[in-house]
C-alpha atoms as a PDB file:
ATOM      1  CA  MET A   1     251.564  72.190 149.317  1.00  0.00           C
ATOM      2  CA  ARG A   2     252.632  75.756 149.221  1.00  0.00           C
ATOM      3  CA  LEU A   3     250.527  78.258 151.126  1.00  0.00           C
ATOM      4  CA  ASN A   4     250.418  81.789 149.849  1.00  0.00           C
ATOM      5  CA  PHE A   5     249.712  84.228 152.702  1.00  0.00           C
ATOM      6  CA  ARG A   6     248.648  87.832 152.867  1.00  0.00           C
ATOM      7  CA  ASN A   7     249.989  89.594 155.969  1.00  0.00           C
ATOM      8  CA  ARG A   8     252.577  86.873 156.425  1.00  0.00           C
ATOM      9  CA  GLN A   9     254.347  86.748 159.808  1.00  0.00           C
ATOM     10  CA  VAL A  10     257.334  84.575 160.691  1.00  0.00           C
ATOM     11  CA  GLU A  11     258.346  83.769 164.293  1.00  0.00           C
ATOM     12  CA  PHE A  12     261.235  81.843 165.687  1.00  0.00           C
ATOM     13  CA  TRP A  13     261.618  80.390 169.167  1.00  0.00           C
ATOM     14  CA  HIS A  14     263.622  77.724 171.010  1.00  0.00           C
ATOM     15  CA  GLU A  15     261.862  74.837 172.693  1.00  0.00           C
ATOM     16  CA  ASP A  16     263.236  71.465 173.965  1.00  0.00           C
ATOM     17  CA  GLY A  17     266.650  71.991 172.224  1.00  0.00           C
ATOM     18  CA  MET A  18     264.987  72.802 168.880  1.00  0.00           C
ATOM     19  CA  LEU A  19     264.617  75.890 166.716  1.00  0.00           C
ATOM     20  CA  ILE A  20     260.974  76.266 165.759  1.00  0.00           C
ATOM     21  CA  ARG A  21     259.653  78.485 162.967  1.00  0.00           C
ATOM     22  CA  ARG A  22     255.942  79.402 162.665  1.00  0.00           C
ATOM     23  CA  VAL A  23     254.547  81.078 159.588  1.00  0.00           C
ATOM     24  CA  SER A  24     251.070  82.580 159.876  1.00  0.00           C
ATOM     25  CA  GLY A  25     248.830  84.883 157.906  1.00  0.00           C
ATOM     26  CA  THR A  26     245.691  84.991 155.805  1.00  0.00           C
ATOM     27  CA  ARG A  27     245.427  82.630 152.836  1.00  0.00           C
ATOM     28  CA  ILE A  28     245.208  84.500 149.576  1.00  0.00           C
ATOM     29  CA  SER A  29     242.905  81.815 148.111  1.00  0.00           C
ATOM     30  CA  ASN A  30     240.079  82.085 150.647  1.00  0.00           C
ATOM     31  CA  ASP A  31     240.958  84.850 153.184  1.00  0.00           C
ATOM     32  CA  MET A  32     241.006  82.271 156.003  1.00  0.00           C
ATOM     33  CA  PRO A  33     243.670  82.460 158.714  1.00  0.00           C
ATOM     34  CA  ALA A  34     246.284  79.715 158.543  1.00  0.00           C
ATOM     35  CA  GLN A  35     249.625  78.782 160.049  1.00  0.00           C
ATOM     36  CA  TYR A  36     252.241  76.070 159.900  1.00  0.00           C
ATOM     37  CA  GLU A  37     255.326  75.175 161.969  1.00  0.00           C
ATOM     38  CA  HIS A  38     258.569  73.413 161.209  1.00  0.00           C
ATOM     39  CA  PHE A  39     261.425  72.619 163.556  1.00  0.00           C
ATOM     40  CA  CYS A  40     265.197  72.169 163.367  1.00  0.00           C
ATOM     41  CA  LEU A  41     267.230  70.073 165.775  1.00  0.00           C
ATOM     42  CA  ARG A  42     270.449  71.639 167.153  1.00  0.00           C
ATOM     43  CA  ARG A  43     272.597  68.981 165.446  1.00  0.00           C
ATOM     44  CA  VAL A  44     271.023  69.788 162.082  1.00  0.00           C
ATOM     45  CA  PHE A  45     271.426  73.547 162.673  1.00  0.00           C
ATOM     46  CA  GLU A  46     275.126  73.064 163.428  1.00  0.00           C
ATOM     47  CA  GLU A  47     275.735  70.831 160.432  1.00  0.00           C
ATOM     48  CA  THR A  48     273.901  73.315 158.206  1.00  0.00           C
ATOM     49  CA  CYS A  49     276.176  76.166 159.405  1.00  0.00           C
ATOM     50  CA  ILE A  50     279.262  74.005 158.753  1.00  0.00           C
ATOM     51  CA  ALA A  51     277.986  73.013 155.279  1.00  0.00           C
ATOM     52  CA  ILE A  52     277.401  76.661 154.295  1.00  0.00           C
ATOM     53  CA  GLN A  53     281.067  77.421 154.997  1.00  0.00           C
ATOM     54  CA  ALA A  54     282.513  74.141 153.695  1.00  0.00           C
ATOM     55  CA  ASP A  55     280.563  73.609 150.523  1.00  0.00           C
ATOM     56  CA  LYS A  56     281.192  75.374 147.216  1.00  0.00           C
ATOM     57  CA  ASP A  57     278.021  77.191 146.095  1.00  0.00           C
ATOM     58  CA  PRO A  58     275.760  75.633 148.755  1.00  0.00           C
ATOM     59  CA  THR A  59     272.015  75.542 148.239  1.00  0.00           C
ATOM     60  CA  ARG A  60     269.483  74.303 150.694  1.00  0.00           C
ATOM     61  CA  ARG A  61     268.729  71.255 148.546  1.00  0.00           C
ATOM     62  CA  ASN A  62     272.419  70.410 148.066  1.00  0.00           C
ATOM     63  CA  ILE A  63     273.123  70.661 151.785  1.00  0.00           C
ATOM     64  CA  ALA A  64     270.176  68.384 152.666  1.00  0.00           C
ATOM     65  CA  THR A  65     271.227  65.836 150.058  1.00  0.00           C
ATOM     66  CA  ALA A  66     275.037  65.876 150.503  1.00  0.00           C
ATOM     67  CA  TRP A  67     274.920  65.926 154.307  1.00  0.00           C
ATOM     68  CA  SER A  68     271.875  63.543 154.567  1.00  0.00           C
ATOM     69  CA  LEU A  69     269.787  66.091 156.495  1.00  0.00           C
ATOM     70  CA  PRO A  70     265.980  66.637 156.439  1.00  0.00           C
ATOM     71  CA  PHE A  71     265.276  69.401 153.935  1.00  0.00           C
ATOM     72  CA  SER A  72     262.633  71.081 156.108  1.00  0.00           C
ATOM     73  CA  GLN A  73     265.088  71.335 158.971  1.00  0.00           C
ATOM     74  CA  VAL A  74     267.792  72.751 156.633  1.00  0.00           C
ATOM     75  CA  ASP A  75     265.320  75.282 155.406  1.00  0.00           C
ATOM     76  CA  VAL A  76     264.401  76.409 158.927  1.00  0.00           C
ATOM     77  CA  ALA A  77     268.085  76.810 159.759  1.00  0.00           C
ATOM     78  CA  CYS A  78     268.786  78.797 156.596  1.00  0.00           C
ATOM     79  CA  VAL A  79     265.815  81.122 156.976  1.00  0.00           C
ATOM     80  CA  PHE A  80     266.870  81.802 160.569  1.00  0.00           C
ATOM     81  CA  LEU A  81     270.472  82.567 159.446  1.00  0.00           C
ATOM     82  CA  ILE A  82     269.177  84.861 156.719  1.00  0.00           C
ATOM     83  CA  GLU A  83     266.916  86.675 159.094  1.00  0.00           C
ATOM     84  CA  ARG A  84     269.815  87.211 161.489  1.00  0.00           C
ATOM     85  CA  GLY A  85     272.081  88.585 158.746  1.00  0.00           C
ATOM     86  CA  ILE A  86     274.577  85.713 158.930  1.00  0.00           C
ATOM     87  CA  VAL A  87     273.964  84.527 155.359  1.00  0.00           C
ATOM     88  CA  GLU A  88     272.218  85.799 152.268  1.00  0.00           C
ATOM     89  CA  ILE A  89     270.798  83.991 149.368  1.00  0.00           C
ATOM     90  CA  ARG A  90     271.590  85.029 145.795  1.00  0.00           C
ATOM     91  CA  ARG A  91     270.193  83.015 142.807  1.00  0.00           C
ATOM     92  CA  GLY A  92     269.487  80.156 145.246  1.00  0.00           C
ATOM     93  CA  VAL A  93     273.026  80.010 146.513  1.00  0.00           C
ATOM     94  CA  LEU A  94     273.808  80.729 150.193  1.00  0.00           C
ATOM     95  CA  HIS A  95     276.632  83.184 150.849  1.00  0.00           C
ATOM     96  CA  ALA A  96     278.195  83.747 154.238  1.00  0.00           C
ATOM     97  CA  LEU A  97     278.176  87.397 155.443  1.00  0.00           C
ATOM     98  CA  VAL A  98     280.412  86.604 158.426  1.00  0.00           C
ATOM     99  CA  ASP A  99     283.741  84.907 158.880  1.00  0.00           C
ATOM    100  CA  ASP A 100     282.439  82.005 160.926  1.00  0.00           C
ATOM    101  CA  VAL A 101     278.845  80.916 160.203  1.00  0.00           C
ATOM    102  CA  LEU A 102     278.888  78.228 162.916  1.00  0.00           C
ATOM    103  CA  LEU A 103     280.127  80.661 165.654  1.00  0.00           C
ATOM    104  CA  ASP A 104     277.637  83.431 164.777  1.00  0.00           C
ATOM    105  CA  GLY A 105     274.830  80.981 164.154  1.00  0.00           C
ATOM    106  CA  MET A 106     275.300  79.202 167.429  1.00  0.00           C
ATOM    107  CA  CYS A 107     275.482  82.555 169.252  1.00  0.00           C
ATOM    108  CA  GLU A 108     272.044  83.438 167.801  1.00  0.00           C
ATOM    109  CA  PHE A 109     270.667  79.932 168.478  1.00  0.00           C
ATOM    110  CA  THR A 110     271.926  80.069 172.116  1.00  0.00           C
ATOM    111  CA  ALA A 111     270.613  83.613 172.649  1.00  0.00           C
ATOM    112  CA  LEU A 112     267.166  82.415 171.606  1.00  0.00           C
ATOM    113  CA  ALA A 113     267.460  79.489 174.003  1.00  0.00           C
ATOM    114  CA  VAL A 114     268.399  81.770 176.881  1.00  0.00           C
ATOM    115  CA  LYS A 115     265.563  84.118 176.120  1.00  0.00           C
ATOM    116  CA  ALA A 116     263.212  81.125 176.180  1.00  0.00           C
ATOM    117  CA  ASP A 117     264.616  80.001 179.550  1.00  0.00           C
ATOM    118  CA  GLU A 118     264.156  83.506 180.998  1.00  0.00           C
ATOM    119  CA  GLN A 119     260.496  83.617 179.886  1.00  0.00           C
ATOM    120  CA  GLU A 120     259.679  80.274 181.483  1.00  0.00           C
ATOM    121  CA  PRO A 121     257.566  80.644 184.599  1.00  0.00           C
ATOM    122  CA  THR A 122     259.654  80.533 187.773  1.00  0.00           C
ATOM    123  CA  SER A 123     257.461  77.852 189.406  1.00  0.00           C
ATOM    124  CA  ALA A 124     258.308  75.440 186.471  1.00  0.00           C
ATOM    125  CA  LYS A 125     262.068  75.923 186.657  1.00  0.00           C
ATOM    126  CA  GLY A 126     264.011  73.131 188.266  1.00  0.00           C
ATOM    127  CA  GLN A 127     261.013  70.753 188.426  1.00  0.00           C
ATOM    128  CA  SER A 128     261.243  67.304 186.828  1.00  0.00           C
END
């Protein structure tokens, strides 16, 4: 089901080794607030970056199918890479804007992870 939002907001954060994307806003159909979240495992993120560089004319659907990856996770990875200016999408095809999608993508992924670690309360760090 596709949700059409007014005042749409997209957030990314890192939690438990995953990239998480939250989309929130007001539903156009009934003016009620709504949100949804999807996640992307690090392994899927890395493979998506590699696929964008390796495949000829990669699309999100083709990457998910050819590399046997969950589509929703590939989508989260691609939207993150697009937001960070690492790739762009033209006519459904992903185009790298950098020389090494994996290197730049993992730098952004890791920076988000470090930011999450720094925001964790001090009392919780180091406890098992």
